[in-house]
Amino acid sequence: MGGLRELSASFVVPSPAGVAIRDRLRVSEEDAAVLAEVGMFLGSLAAGDLAERTQQGLAHDAASWTVRKRSLTGRSSARWAGSITKATHDQWALARRGQAAHTAWLRGQIASIEARLARPLGAKADKREGLARGYATRVEWHAKSRRLHALKDRLSVVEADRAAGRVHVVRGGKGLANTRHHLEAAGLDEQAWRQRWRAERMFLTADGERGKRFGNETIRVTDTGRLSVKLPAPLTHLANAPHGRYLLDATVRFQHRGAEWRDRVAANRAVAYRIHHDTARGRWYVTASWQRASAPVVPLQAALARGVVGVDMNDDHLAAWQLDVHGNPVGEPQRFFYDLTGSTQHRDAQIRHALTRLLHHARRCVAAAIAIEDLDFTDGTSREKHGRNKRFRRLISRLPTAKLKARLVSMAAEQDIAIVAVDPAYTSRWGAQHWQKPLTTPQRKMSRHDAASIAIGRRALGHPIRRRTAPPHPDQSDRGGHRTVQARPETCRREEPRPHLPGPRTRCAPPGSGAKAGDQDAQHRSGHPAEQESWQQDSLPLSL
């Protein structure tokens, strides 16, 4: 037990604070041409503002932000300038956080390689002493030493950029920019790539405004679904509606959370919109988003009042099992499969379908909480951590931990189901050791994942995973004492000595509680006719 790490406490995951819904815009050719021209013009303004912001670096302040906004106002409008500068600030901040994460990753890799290089070749790891394992061969040791110098050079460059406040941002995406040099591998020609590049660099995003008409003056969507765009000053000649607006022929119908969206726009509450073009499908989409009021987090004991559904996440399915408040498995194990191969849209659809079935199962079980492991595989795919086990590293990289948790939390919030995150340490090992074999029957084939779901649920409920830790008693006496994992003697309705009850240990009624307990004659047992007195046979006369 001395080598086990300390487990972190379970907690209820807070519900998401934002909502985003999307609908397709069936625009005409004229509407598509106007949207493309407006988006490309505003995208050029956004690109110039981002370049100016990155040049300022750490010297940026409120005064410089005001100067940039005034410059953009004269070329577009005050609201478009506010949206562009805010998007620029958010993009720079995101790049800054990514730079910090990359710096931490480089330092971790360098420390891991240095620790392994200091060990002899073929040395095994010693967790008690905190020693890493050595590299297997001299060739691998030499290759890792070269990689160490490369990582140190990269770290010095990143640290210099961070100290100077420089970030590297590509509007349109770095991946799409690199695809330009590998068109054949991507299955694209130059014209198709340029169309996608222009679509990604367009800017058609407007922040919501509380108290304004329908919650947004720049991109306005009425409660009847009519969408209009406030044109920038140089493009007002394209307006077909008063006050320099362009009204689209297409109507918007938000099927998902449509009632909630209509309530917001009817009350003139802030709603942000984004219009983008999917060149691969040739479709236009509009996305509406808004913030929700921060709801109080449900207490852990209240969320677990009706039991929990423990879920073990794997690369191809979710293993779930319902547990009551005492930590006992109820019913049969459930498995919700998904396929993570194929396109991104296919993977997202598979995850959503599996989570939907999981939530429906939790509702049928009348459980108010789902317990999952608080997994974080940000550094789990490194070879320094798992060595030559390439199959295991690929398995970890396939697990959609962040996306699955984010989707599960958002979908469960709509069903009023709490998500409880537990420490993932030893759940698979102890689940297989203590629950797989006892629950295996000829009709039920238990897997390690099913047993792990029980371990996760018990940890969320606060019960120990291991069922018995002490050896069995040598006999029926109590000299072995209570087992280390069982209820205390003073706990009611648990394993404890049987309470002493007065009266004889028989199935008959105890004294004073029979059918004739109130009969005074029955109280005098020697004279009652129904009383059975002791009988003794007389001795036979010797004269017979």
Protein backbone atom coordinates (compact mmCIF):
# COMPACT_ATOMS: atom_id res chain seq x y z
CA MET A 1 0.00 0.00 0.00
CA GLY A 2 2.98 2.32 0.41
CA GLY A 3 3.50 2.50 -3.37
CA LEU A 4 -0.02 3.65 -4.19
CA ARG A 5 -0.45 7.29 -5.03
CA GLU A 6 -2.93 9.48 -3.21
CA LEU A 7 -6.35 9.59 -4.86
CA SER A 8 -8.04 12.88 -5.61
CA ALA A 9 -11.58 13.48 -4.45
CA SER A 10 -14.53 13.05 -6.79
CA PHE A 11 -16.41 16.16 -7.89
CA VAL A 12 -19.43 17.20 -9.94
CA VAL A 13 -18.46 18.70 -13.30
CA PRO A 14 -19.95 22.18 -13.77
CA SER A 15 -22.48 22.55 -16.57
CA PRO A 16 -21.44 24.50 -19.70
CA ALA A 17 -21.93 28.26 -19.63
CA GLY A 18 -22.51 28.68 -23.37
CA VAL A 19 -24.90 27.38 -26.01
CA ALA A 20 -24.34 27.15 -29.77
CA ILE A 21 -26.85 26.01 -32.42
CA ARG A 22 -26.50 25.82 -36.18
CA ASP A 23 -28.77 25.89 -39.21
CA ARG A 24 -28.23 25.68 -42.93
CA LEU A 25 -28.82 28.74 -45.10
CA ARG A 26 -30.35 27.84 -48.47
CA VAL A 27 -29.16 31.02 -50.13
CA SER A 28 -29.57 32.03 -53.74
CA GLU A 29 -26.66 32.79 -56.04
CA GLU A 30 -27.11 36.52 -55.51
CA ASP A 31 -27.14 36.12 -51.73
CA ALA A 32 -24.05 33.88 -51.84
CA ALA A 33 -22.16 36.46 -53.95
CA VAL A 34 -23.01 39.28 -51.53
CA LEU A 35 -22.04 37.23 -48.47
CA ALA A 36 -18.74 36.22 -50.08
CA GLU A 37 -17.88 39.82 -50.99
CA VAL A 38 -18.72 41.13 -47.52
CA GLY A 39 -16.88 38.27 -45.81
CA MET A 40 -13.71 38.72 -47.87
CA PHE A 41 -13.69 42.49 -47.30
CA LEU A 42 -14.10 42.13 -43.54
CA GLY A 43 -11.58 39.29 -43.55
CA SER A 44 -8.95 41.58 -45.04
CA LEU A 45 -9.63 44.10 -42.27
CA ALA A 46 -9.35 41.34 -39.66
CA ALA A 47 -6.04 40.16 -41.12
CA GLY A 48 -4.56 43.66 -40.94
CA ASP A 49 -5.81 44.17 -37.38
CA LEU A 50 -4.31 40.85 -36.29
CA ALA A 51 -0.94 41.80 -37.81
CA GLU A 52 -1.02 45.10 -35.95
CA ARG A 53 -1.96 43.40 -32.70
CA THR A 54 0.85 40.84 -32.93
CA GLN A 55 3.38 43.64 -33.58
CA GLN A 56 2.33 45.35 -30.34
CA GLY A 57 3.03 42.21 -28.29
CA LEU A 58 3.07 42.80 -24.55
CA ALA A 59 2.89 46.57 -25.01
CA HIS A 60 -0.81 46.38 -25.88
CA ASP A 61 -3.19 48.35 -23.67
CA ALA A 62 -6.67 49.88 -23.76
CA ALA A 63 -5.44 53.02 -25.53
CA SER A 64 -3.93 51.06 -28.43
CA TRP A 65 -7.12 48.99 -28.66
CA THR A 66 -9.13 52.21 -29.00
CA VAL A 67 -6.84 53.46 -31.76
CA ARG A 68 -7.28 50.22 -33.73
CA LYS A 69 -11.04 50.30 -33.30
CA ARG A 70 -11.31 53.91 -34.50
CA SER A 71 -9.23 53.05 -37.56
CA LEU A 72 -11.53 50.17 -38.45
CA THR A 73 -14.69 52.17 -37.78
CA GLY A 74 -13.95 54.55 -40.62
CA ARG A 75 -13.51 51.65 -43.05
CA SER A 76 -16.50 49.57 -41.93
CA SER A 77 -18.74 50.53 -39.00
CA ALA A 78 -18.49 50.84 -35.23
CA ARG A 79 -20.11 47.46 -34.59
CA TRP A 80 -18.02 45.63 -37.19
CA ALA A 81 -14.89 47.27 -35.74
CA GLY A 82 -15.83 46.08 -32.25
CA SER A 83 -16.36 42.51 -33.47
CA ILE A 84 -13.09 42.45 -35.41
CA THR A 85 -10.95 43.83 -32.57
CA LYS A 86 -12.53 41.48 -30.04
CA ALA A 87 -11.96 38.47 -32.33
CA THR A 88 -8.35 39.58 -32.82
CA HIS A 89 -7.80 39.89 -29.09
CA ASP A 90 -9.28 36.42 -28.45
CA GLN A 91 -7.16 34.87 -31.21
CA TRP A 92 -3.97 36.42 -29.84
CA ALA A 93 -4.84 35.24 -26.31
CA LEU A 94 -5.50 31.72 -27.60
CA ALA A 95 -2.13 31.66 -29.37
CA ARG A 96 -0.51 32.89 -26.17
CA ARG A 97 -2.05 30.04 -24.15
CA GLY A 98 -0.98 27.55 -26.80
CA GLN A 99 2.53 28.92 -26.62
CA ALA A 100 2.59 28.40 -22.85
CA ALA A 101 1.31 24.83 -23.24
CA HIS A 102 3.94 24.10 -25.89
CA THR A 103 6.66 25.46 -23.60
CA ALA A 104 5.53 23.21 -20.76
CA TRP A 105 5.45 20.20 -23.11
CA LEU A 106 9.00 20.87 -24.33
CA ARG A 107 10.30 21.15 -20.78
CA GLY A 108 8.63 17.89 -19.82
CA GLN A 109 10.10 16.08 -22.81
CA ILE A 110 13.57 17.42 -22.09
CA ALA A 111 13.39 16.38 -18.43
CA SER A 112 12.16 12.89 -19.35
CA ILE A 113 14.90 12.32 -21.94
CA GLU A 114 17.61 13.62 -19.61
CA ALA A 115 16.46 11.27 -16.85
CA ARG A 116 16.57 8.27 -19.18
CA LEU A 117 19.92 9.24 -20.68
CA ALA A 118 21.43 9.31 -17.19
CA ARG A 119 20.45 5.68 -16.58
CA PRO A 120 22.50 2.68 -17.78
CA LEU A 121 21.46 0.87 -20.93
CA GLY A 122 18.68 -1.61 -20.28
CA ALA A 123 18.11 -0.43 -16.69
CA LYS A 124 14.60 -1.02 -15.38
CA ALA A 125 12.44 1.67 -13.85
CA ASP A 126 12.18 1.93 -10.09
CA LYS A 127 9.00 3.69 -9.02
CA ARG A 128 9.90 3.59 -5.35
CA GLU A 129 13.16 5.45 -5.95
CA GLY A 130 11.71 7.61 -8.73
CA LEU A 131 14.17 6.34 -11.33
CA ALA A 132 13.27 6.13 -15.02
CA ARG A 133 14.21 3.18 -17.18
CA GLY A 134 17.20 3.34 -19.43
CA TYR A 135 17.21 3.07 -23.20
CA ALA A 136 17.42 -0.39 -24.66
CA THR A 137 20.30 0.00 -27.11
CA ARG A 138 23.23 2.28 -27.77
CA VAL A 139 21.69 3.34 -31.08
CA GLU A 140 18.51 4.51 -29.35
CA TRP A 141 20.55 6.32 -26.70
CA HIS A 142 22.46 8.19 -29.41
CA ALA A 143 19.28 9.12 -31.31
CA LYS A 144 17.65 10.43 -28.13
CA SER A 145 20.69 12.51 -27.28
CA ARG A 146 20.42 14.19 -30.69
CA ARG A 147 16.71 14.74 -30.15
CA LEU A 148 17.49 16.31 -26.78
CA HIS A 149 19.60 18.99 -28.43
CA ALA A 150 16.88 19.64 -31.00
CA LEU A 151 14.26 20.06 -28.29
CA LYS A 152 16.50 22.44 -26.36
CA ASP A 153 16.94 24.58 -29.48
CA ARG A 154 13.17 24.68 -30.00
CA LEU A 155 12.65 25.56 -26.35
CA SER A 156 15.08 28.46 -26.55
CA VAL A 157 13.22 29.86 -29.59
CA VAL A 158 9.81 29.50 -27.94
CA GLU A 159 11.00 31.05 -24.68
CA ALA A 160 12.49 34.00 -26.58
CA ASP A 161 9.19 34.54 -28.42
CA ARG A 162 7.24 34.32 -25.19
CA ALA A 163 9.49 36.79 -23.43
CA ALA A 164 9.11 39.24 -26.33
CA GLY A 165 5.34 38.71 -26.60
CA ARG A 166 5.50 37.28 -30.13
CA VAL A 167 2.93 34.73 -31.27
CA HIS A 168 2.58 32.90 -34.59
CA VAL A 169 -0.97 32.88 -35.92
CA VAL A 170 -2.21 31.83 -39.37
CA ARG A 171 -5.65 33.12 -40.34
CA GLY A 172 -7.30 30.23 -42.10
CA GLY A 173 -5.38 27.57 -40.20
CA LYS A 174 -1.82 26.31 -40.27
CA GLY A 175 -2.96 22.88 -41.45
CA LEU A 176 -4.73 24.28 -44.49
CA ALA A 177 -1.73 26.47 -45.25
CA ASN A 178 0.57 23.43 -45.25
CA THR A 179 -1.91 21.53 -47.43
CA ARG A 180 -1.00 23.93 -50.26
CA HIS A 181 2.32 22.07 -50.60
CA HIS A 182 0.69 18.61 -50.59
CA LEU A 183 -2.33 18.98 -52.88
CA GLU A 184 -2.06 15.50 -54.37
CA ALA A 185 -2.01 13.81 -50.97
CA ALA A 186 -5.03 15.88 -49.89
CA GLY A 187 -6.95 15.13 -53.10
CA LEU A 188 -7.31 18.80 -54.04
CA ASP A 189 -6.36 20.95 -56.99
CA GLU A 190 -5.14 24.52 -56.70
CA GLN A 191 -8.53 26.08 -57.46
CA ALA A 192 -10.33 23.98 -54.85
CA TRP A 193 -7.67 24.81 -52.28
CA ARG A 194 -7.94 28.54 -52.98
CA GLN A 195 -11.72 28.42 -52.57
CA ARG A 196 -11.34 26.74 -49.20
CA TRP A 197 -8.59 29.15 -48.19
CA ARG A 198 -10.72 32.20 -49.00
CA ALA A 199 -13.72 30.74 -47.20
CA GLU A 200 -11.69 30.11 -44.05
CA ARG A 201 -10.29 33.66 -44.07
CA MET A 202 -13.68 35.34 -44.42
CA PHE A 203 -15.04 37.23 -41.42
CA LEU A 204 -18.80 37.23 -40.84
CA THR A 205 -19.05 37.19 -37.04
CA ALA A 206 -21.05 39.65 -34.93
CA ASP A 207 -21.26 39.80 -31.15
CA GLY A 208 -24.64 40.11 -29.48
CA GLU A 209 -25.92 43.26 -27.78
CA ARG A 210 -28.35 43.19 -24.88
CA GLY A 211 -31.29 45.54 -25.28
CA LYS A 212 -30.89 45.92 -29.05
CA ARG A 213 -33.52 44.73 -31.47
CA PHE A 214 -33.52 40.91 -31.59
CA GLY A 215 -30.27 40.90 -29.62
CA ASN A 216 -27.94 41.86 -32.51
CA GLU A 217 -27.79 44.93 -34.74
CA THR A 218 -25.02 43.73 -37.07
CA ILE A 219 -26.30 40.26 -38.07
CA ARG A 220 -29.99 40.26 -37.21
CA VAL A 221 -32.26 37.24 -37.22
CA THR A 222 -35.88 37.97 -36.39
CA ASP A 223 -38.15 35.61 -34.50
CA THR A 224 -39.71 34.66 -37.85
CA GLY A 225 -36.32 33.61 -39.24
CA ARG A 226 -35.55 36.57 -41.56
CA LEU A 227 -31.79 37.23 -41.67
CA SER A 228 -30.25 40.60 -42.57
CA VAL A 229 -26.66 41.87 -42.48
CA LYS A 230 -25.45 45.40 -41.79
CA LEU A 231 -23.14 46.21 -44.70
CA PRO A 232 -19.82 48.01 -44.12
CA ALA A 233 -19.53 51.54 -45.45
CA PRO A 234 -17.70 50.74 -48.75
CA LEU A 235 -20.32 48.09 -49.66
CA THR A 236 -23.55 49.97 -48.93
CA HIS A 237 -24.37 49.97 -52.64
CA LEU A 238 -25.29 46.29 -52.27
CA ALA A 239 -28.09 47.06 -49.79
CA ASN A 240 -31.65 45.98 -50.62
CA ALA A 241 -33.19 47.14 -47.31
CA PRO A 242 -33.26 50.46 -45.44
CA HIS A 243 -30.35 51.72 -43.30
CA GLY A 244 -27.66 50.00 -45.39
CA ARG A 245 -28.78 46.43 -44.70
CA TYR A 246 -28.94 43.40 -46.96
CA LEU A 247 -31.90 41.07 -46.45
CA LEU A 248 -31.39 37.46 -47.50
CA ASP A 249 -34.07 35.43 -49.22
CA ALA A 250 -33.27 32.37 -47.11
CA THR A 251 -34.98 31.92 -43.76
CA VAL A 252 -33.46 30.48 -40.60
CA ARG A 253 -35.12 27.65 -38.70
CA PHE A 254 -33.22 26.43 -35.67
CA GLN A 255 -34.57 22.96 -34.99
CA HIS A 256 -32.39 22.30 -31.94
CA ARG A 257 -33.15 24.60 -28.99
CA GLY A 258 -35.31 26.70 -31.27
CA ALA A 259 -37.75 27.62 -28.50
CA GLU A 260 -34.94 28.84 -26.25
CA TRP A 261 -33.50 30.92 -29.08
CA ARG A 262 -36.88 32.51 -29.88
CA ASP A 263 -37.37 33.41 -26.22
CA ARG A 264 -34.05 35.26 -26.24
CA VAL A 265 -34.58 37.23 -29.45
CA ALA A 266 -38.14 38.10 -28.44
CA ALA A 267 -36.79 39.59 -25.19
CA ASN A 268 -33.95 41.39 -27.05
CA ARG A 269 -31.28 39.43 -25.20
CA ALA A 270 -27.77 39.17 -26.65
CA VAL A 271 -27.20 36.51 -29.34
CA ALA A 272 -23.98 36.23 -31.36
CA TYR A 273 -24.05 34.96 -34.95
CA ARG A 274 -21.46 33.56 -37.32
CA ILE A 275 -21.97 32.87 -41.03
CA HIS A 276 -19.51 30.57 -42.80
CA HIS A 277 -19.21 28.74 -46.09
CA ASP A 278 -18.45 25.02 -46.40
CA THR A 279 -16.78 24.75 -49.81
CA ALA A 280 -16.58 20.94 -49.70
CA ARG A 281 -20.39 20.69 -49.56
CA GLY A 282 -21.16 23.98 -51.23
CA ARG A 283 -23.37 25.09 -48.35
CA TRP A 284 -23.74 28.15 -46.13
CA TYR A 285 -24.42 27.87 -42.41
CA VAL A 286 -25.35 30.27 -39.63
CA THR A 287 -24.41 29.59 -36.00
CA ALA A 288 -26.13 31.29 -33.06
CA SER A 289 -24.50 31.32 -29.64
CA TRP A 290 -25.22 32.90 -26.27
CA GLN A 291 -24.22 32.65 -22.66
CA ARG A 292 -26.28 31.06 -19.95
CA ALA A 293 -26.63 32.23 -16.40
CA SER A 294 -24.21 30.35 -14.18
CA ALA A 295 -26.19 27.61 -12.48
CA PRO A 296 -25.12 26.41 -9.02
CA VAL A 297 -23.26 23.12 -9.02
CA VAL A 298 -25.29 20.27 -7.59
CA PRO A 299 -23.77 18.93 -4.34
CA LEU A 300 -22.11 15.56 -4.68
CA GLN A 301 -24.35 13.85 -2.11
CA ALA A 302 -27.51 15.17 -3.77
CA ALA A 303 -26.35 13.99 -7.20
CA LEU A 304 -25.70 10.47 -5.86
CA ALA A 305 -28.90 10.19 -3.82
CA ARG A 306 -30.45 7.75 -6.33
CA GLY A 307 -27.35 5.81 -7.23
CA VAL A 308 -25.06 6.28 -10.19
CA VAL A 309 -24.23 4.82 -13.59
CA GLY A 310 -20.51 4.06 -13.79
CA VAL A 311 -19.01 4.45 -17.27
CA ASP A 312 -15.66 3.18 -18.50
CA MET A 313 -14.51 4.83 -21.73
CA ASN A 314 -12.65 2.76 -24.34
CA ASP A 315 -11.49 3.27 -27.90
CA ASP A 316 -14.52 1.50 -29.39
CA HIS A 317 -17.31 1.48 -26.78
CA LEU A 318 -18.61 2.78 -23.48
CA ALA A 319 -19.07 0.18 -20.74
CA ALA A 320 -21.78 1.19 -18.26
CA TRP A 321 -23.32 -0.41 -15.18
CA GLN A 322 -25.92 0.92 -12.76
CA LEU A 323 -25.07 0.94 -9.04
CA ASP A 324 -27.38 1.62 -6.11
CA VAL A 325 -26.52 3.95 -3.24
CA HIS A 326 -24.74 1.08 -1.43
CA GLY A 327 -22.42 0.42 -4.39
CA ASN A 328 -24.09 -2.83 -5.50
CA PRO A 329 -24.40 -3.53 -9.25
CA VAL A 330 -28.01 -3.51 -10.44
CA GLY A 331 -29.24 -5.20 -13.60
CA GLU A 332 -26.95 -6.15 -16.44
CA PRO A 333 -23.92 -4.36 -17.92
CA GLN A 334 -24.51 -2.15 -20.93
CA ARG A 335 -22.16 -1.45 -23.82
CA PHE A 336 -22.56 1.42 -26.28
CA PHE A 337 -20.31 0.97 -29.29
CA TYR A 338 -18.95 3.61 -31.67
CA ASP A 339 -16.55 3.67 -34.60
CA LEU A 340 -13.80 6.31 -34.62
CA THR A 341 -12.57 5.63 -38.15
CA GLY A 342 -13.43 7.75 -41.13
CA SER A 343 -14.04 11.46 -41.41
CA THR A 344 -14.41 13.93 -38.56
CA GLN A 345 -18.15 14.25 -39.16
CA HIS A 346 -18.53 10.48 -38.93
CA ARG A 347 -16.60 10.31 -35.66
CA ASP A 348 -18.64 13.15 -34.17
CA ALA A 349 -21.88 11.46 -35.16
CA GLN A 350 -20.74 8.17 -33.64
CA ILE A 351 -19.85 9.85 -30.32
CA ARG A 352 -23.16 11.73 -30.19
CA HIS A 353 -25.12 8.55 -30.89
CA ALA A 354 -23.31 6.59 -28.18
CA LEU A 355 -23.78 9.37 -25.63
CA THR A 356 -27.46 9.67 -26.50
CA ARG A 357 -28.00 5.98 -25.80
CA LEU A 358 -26.04 6.31 -22.55
CA LEU A 359 -28.21 9.19 -21.36
CA HIS A 360 -31.39 7.30 -22.27
CA HIS A 361 -30.13 4.35 -20.24
CA ALA A 362 -29.47 6.61 -17.26
CA ARG A 363 -33.00 8.01 -17.50
CA ARG A 364 -34.47 4.51 -17.57
CA CYS A 365 -32.44 3.63 -14.48
CA VAL A 366 -33.82 6.72 -12.70
CA ALA A 367 -30.24 7.70 -11.92
CA ALA A 368 -29.40 11.37 -11.51
CA ALA A 369 -25.63 11.03 -12.03
CA ILE A 370 -23.12 9.44 -14.39
CA ALA A 371 -19.59 8.72 -13.13
CA ILE A 372 -16.66 8.90 -15.55
CA GLU A 373 -12.90 8.96 -15.16
CA ASP A 374 -11.16 12.32 -15.13
CA LEU A 375 -8.76 11.34 -17.90
CA ASP A 376 -6.09 13.58 -19.41
CA PHE A 377 -3.92 12.08 -22.14
CA THR A 378 -2.14 15.28 -23.22
CA ASP A 379 1.25 13.66 -22.64
CA GLY A 380 0.17 10.03 -22.82
CA THR A 381 1.22 9.50 -26.44
CA SER A 382 4.88 10.21 -25.76
CA ARG A 383 7.36 7.42 -26.37
CA GLU A 384 9.31 8.52 -23.30
CA LYS A 385 6.34 7.50 -21.15
CA HIS A 386 5.33 4.20 -22.77
CA GLY A 387 8.55 3.20 -24.52
CA ARG A 388 8.27 1.02 -27.60
CA ASN A 389 4.64 0.11 -26.98
CA LYS A 390 3.49 1.83 -30.14
CA ARG A 391 0.17 0.00 -30.13
CA PHE A 392 -0.69 1.33 -26.67
CA ARG A 393 0.36 4.85 -27.61
CA ARG A 394 -1.87 4.74 -30.68
CA LEU A 395 -4.69 3.39 -28.54
CA ILE A 396 -4.39 6.34 -26.16
CA SER A 397 -4.24 8.84 -28.99
CA ARG A 398 -7.50 7.44 -30.41
CA LEU A 399 -9.45 7.95 -27.20
CA PRO A 400 -11.57 11.11 -27.64
CA THR A 401 -11.27 12.14 -24.00
CA ALA A 402 -11.69 15.90 -24.31
CA LYS A 403 -14.37 15.82 -26.99
CA LEU A 404 -16.33 13.05 -25.31
CA LYS A 405 -16.30 14.75 -21.91
CA ALA A 406 -17.30 18.11 -23.39
CA ARG A 407 -20.19 16.60 -25.34
CA LEU A 408 -21.31 14.44 -22.42
CA VAL A 409 -21.40 17.40 -20.03
CA SER A 410 -23.36 19.57 -22.45
CA MET A 411 -25.83 16.81 -23.40
CA ALA A 412 -26.32 15.68 -19.80
CA ALA A 413 -27.09 19.24 -18.70
CA GLU A 414 -30.15 19.19 -20.97
CA GLN A 415 -31.34 15.97 -19.31
CA ASP A 416 -30.73 17.23 -15.74
CA ILE A 417 -28.13 14.51 -15.19
CA ALA A 418 -25.00 15.35 -13.21
CA ILE A 419 -21.55 14.22 -14.35
CA VAL A 420 -19.24 13.07 -11.55
CA ALA A 421 -15.51 12.92 -12.35
CA VAL A 422 -13.43 10.43 -10.37
CA ASP A 423 -9.74 9.66 -10.11
CA PRO A 424 -8.84 7.03 -12.76
CA ALA A 425 -6.10 5.37 -10.70
CA TYR A 426 -6.33 1.55 -10.45
CA THR A 427 -9.96 1.34 -11.61
CA SER A 428 -9.28 -1.23 -14.34
CA ARG A 429 -6.86 -3.26 -12.20
CA TRP A 430 -8.95 -3.40 -9.04
CA GLY A 431 -12.18 -3.82 -10.98
CA ALA A 432 -10.84 -6.90 -12.74
CA GLN A 433 -9.35 -8.24 -9.51
CA HIS A 434 -12.39 -7.89 -7.28
CA TRP A 435 -15.47 -7.79 -9.54
CA GLN A 436 -14.84 -9.57 -12.84
CA LYS A 437 -14.73 -13.16 -11.57
CA PRO A 438 -17.52 -12.97 -8.92
CA LEU A 439 -20.00 -11.50 -11.43
CA THR A 440 -19.13 -13.88 -14.26
CA THR A 441 -21.85 -16.48 -14.86
CA PRO A 442 -22.60 -18.92 -17.67
CA GLN A 443 -25.15 -16.41 -18.97
CA ARG A 444 -23.00 -13.32 -18.40
CA LYS A 445 -19.49 -12.88 -19.76
CA MET A 446 -17.78 -10.13 -17.79
CA SER A 447 -14.97 -8.07 -19.30
CA ARG A 448 -12.38 -5.88 -17.65
CA HIS A 449 -14.24 -2.84 -18.92
CA ASP A 450 -17.50 -3.93 -17.27
CA ALA A 451 -15.66 -4.47 -14.00
CA ALA A 452 -13.96 -1.08 -14.37
CA SER A 453 -17.36 0.61 -14.68
CA ILE A 454 -18.29 -0.84 -11.28
CA ALA A 455 -15.04 0.42 -9.80
CA ILE A 456 -15.68 3.90 -11.20
CA GLY A 457 -19.22 3.98 -9.82
CA ARG A 458 -18.14 2.81 -6.37
CA ARG A 459 -15.40 5.42 -6.21
CA ALA A 460 -17.91 8.13 -7.09
CA LEU A 461 -20.22 6.90 -4.31
CA GLY A 462 -17.38 6.98 -1.81
CA HIS A 463 -17.18 3.19 -1.35
CA PRO A 464 -13.91 1.26 -1.60
CA ILE A 465 -13.39 -0.66 -4.82
CA ARG A 466 -11.81 -3.69 -3.19
CA ARG A 467 -14.40 -5.98 -1.67
CA ARG A 468 -12.21 -7.85 0.88
CA THR A 469 -8.62 -7.15 1.73
CA ALA A 470 -7.99 -9.39 4.77
CA PRO A 471 -7.70 -13.19 4.42
CA PRO A 472 -10.75 -15.27 5.41
CA HIS A 473 -11.20 -16.28 9.01
CA PRO A 474 -9.75 -19.66 10.00
CA ASP A 475 -13.10 -20.69 11.48
CA GLN A 476 -16.42 -19.25 12.62
CA SER A 477 -14.98 -17.57 15.70
CA ASP A 478 -14.31 -13.85 15.86
CA ARG A 479 -10.69 -13.95 16.90
CA GLY A 480 -9.71 -12.82 13.39
CA GLY A 481 -11.50 -9.54 13.99
CA HIS A 482 -13.45 -7.52 11.49
CA ARG A 483 -12.22 -7.38 7.96
CA THR A 484 -10.45 -4.23 6.89
CA VAL A 485 -13.07 -3.31 4.28
CA GLN A 486 -16.44 -3.81 5.89
CA ALA A 487 -18.85 -1.85 8.02
CA ARG A 488 -17.94 -1.04 11.57
CA PRO A 489 -19.63 -3.01 14.37
CA GLU A 490 -21.78 -0.06 15.38
CA THR A 491 -23.19 0.39 11.87
CA CYS A 492 -26.81 -0.72 11.67
CA ARG A 493 -27.84 -3.39 9.19
CA ARG A 494 -24.28 -4.36 8.44
CA GLU A 495 -22.07 -7.25 9.40
CA GLU A 496 -22.24 -7.12 13.20
CA PRO A 497 -23.12 -9.33 16.19
CA ARG A 498 -26.79 -10.30 16.32
CA PRO A 499 -28.65 -8.18 18.89
CA HIS A 500 -29.86 -10.05 22.01
CA LEU A 501 -33.61 -10.62 22.07
CA PRO A 502 -35.34 -11.69 25.29
CA GLY A 503 -37.24 -14.94 25.40
CA PRO A 504 -36.67 -18.45 24.14
CA ARG A 505 -35.05 -19.08 20.76
CA THR A 506 -38.14 -20.80 19.33
CA ARG A 507 -40.64 -20.05 16.63
CA CYS A 508 -43.51 -19.94 19.14
CA ALA A 509 -44.91 -16.68 20.47
CA PRO A 510 -42.88 -15.14 23.28
CA PRO A 511 -44.36 -15.04 26.79
CA GLY A 512 -47.12 -12.52 27.26
CA SER A 513 -47.92 -12.18 23.55
CA GLY A 514 -50.07 -15.26 22.85
CA ALA A 515 -53.72 -15.39 21.91
CA LYS A 516 -54.85 -15.80 25.57
CA ALA A 517 -52.47 -13.29 27.05
CA GLY A 518 -55.39 -11.26 28.53
CA ASP A 519 -57.14 -14.24 30.10
CA GLN A 520 -56.68 -14.10 33.86
CA ASP A 521 -57.26 -17.83 34.08
CA ALA A 522 -54.45 -18.36 31.66
CA GLN A 523 -52.07 -16.46 33.91
CA HIS A 524 -52.54 -19.18 36.56
CA ARG A 525 -50.89 -21.98 34.61
CA SER A 526 -51.47 -24.68 37.28
CA GLY A 527 -55.23 -24.45 37.04
CA HIS A 528 -55.84 -23.65 33.43
CA PRO A 529 -57.46 -26.57 31.55
CA ALA A 530 -55.48 -25.96 28.44
CA GLU A 531 -52.19 -25.79 30.25
CA GLN A 532 -50.03 -28.83 29.54
CA GLU A 533 -48.63 -30.05 32.86
CA SER A 534 -45.75 -32.42 33.20
CA TRP A 535 -46.92 -36.04 32.88
CA GLN A 536 -45.31 -39.02 34.56
CA GLN A 537 -46.34 -42.65 34.15
CA ASP A 538 -47.30 -44.49 37.34
CA SER A 539 -45.31 -47.51 38.25
CA LEU A 540 -47.01 -50.89 37.59
CA PRO A 541 -48.20 -52.82 40.68
CA LEU A 542 -46.01 -55.80 41.36
CA SER A 543 -49.04 -57.97 42.22
CA LEU A 544 -50.22 -58.17 38.60
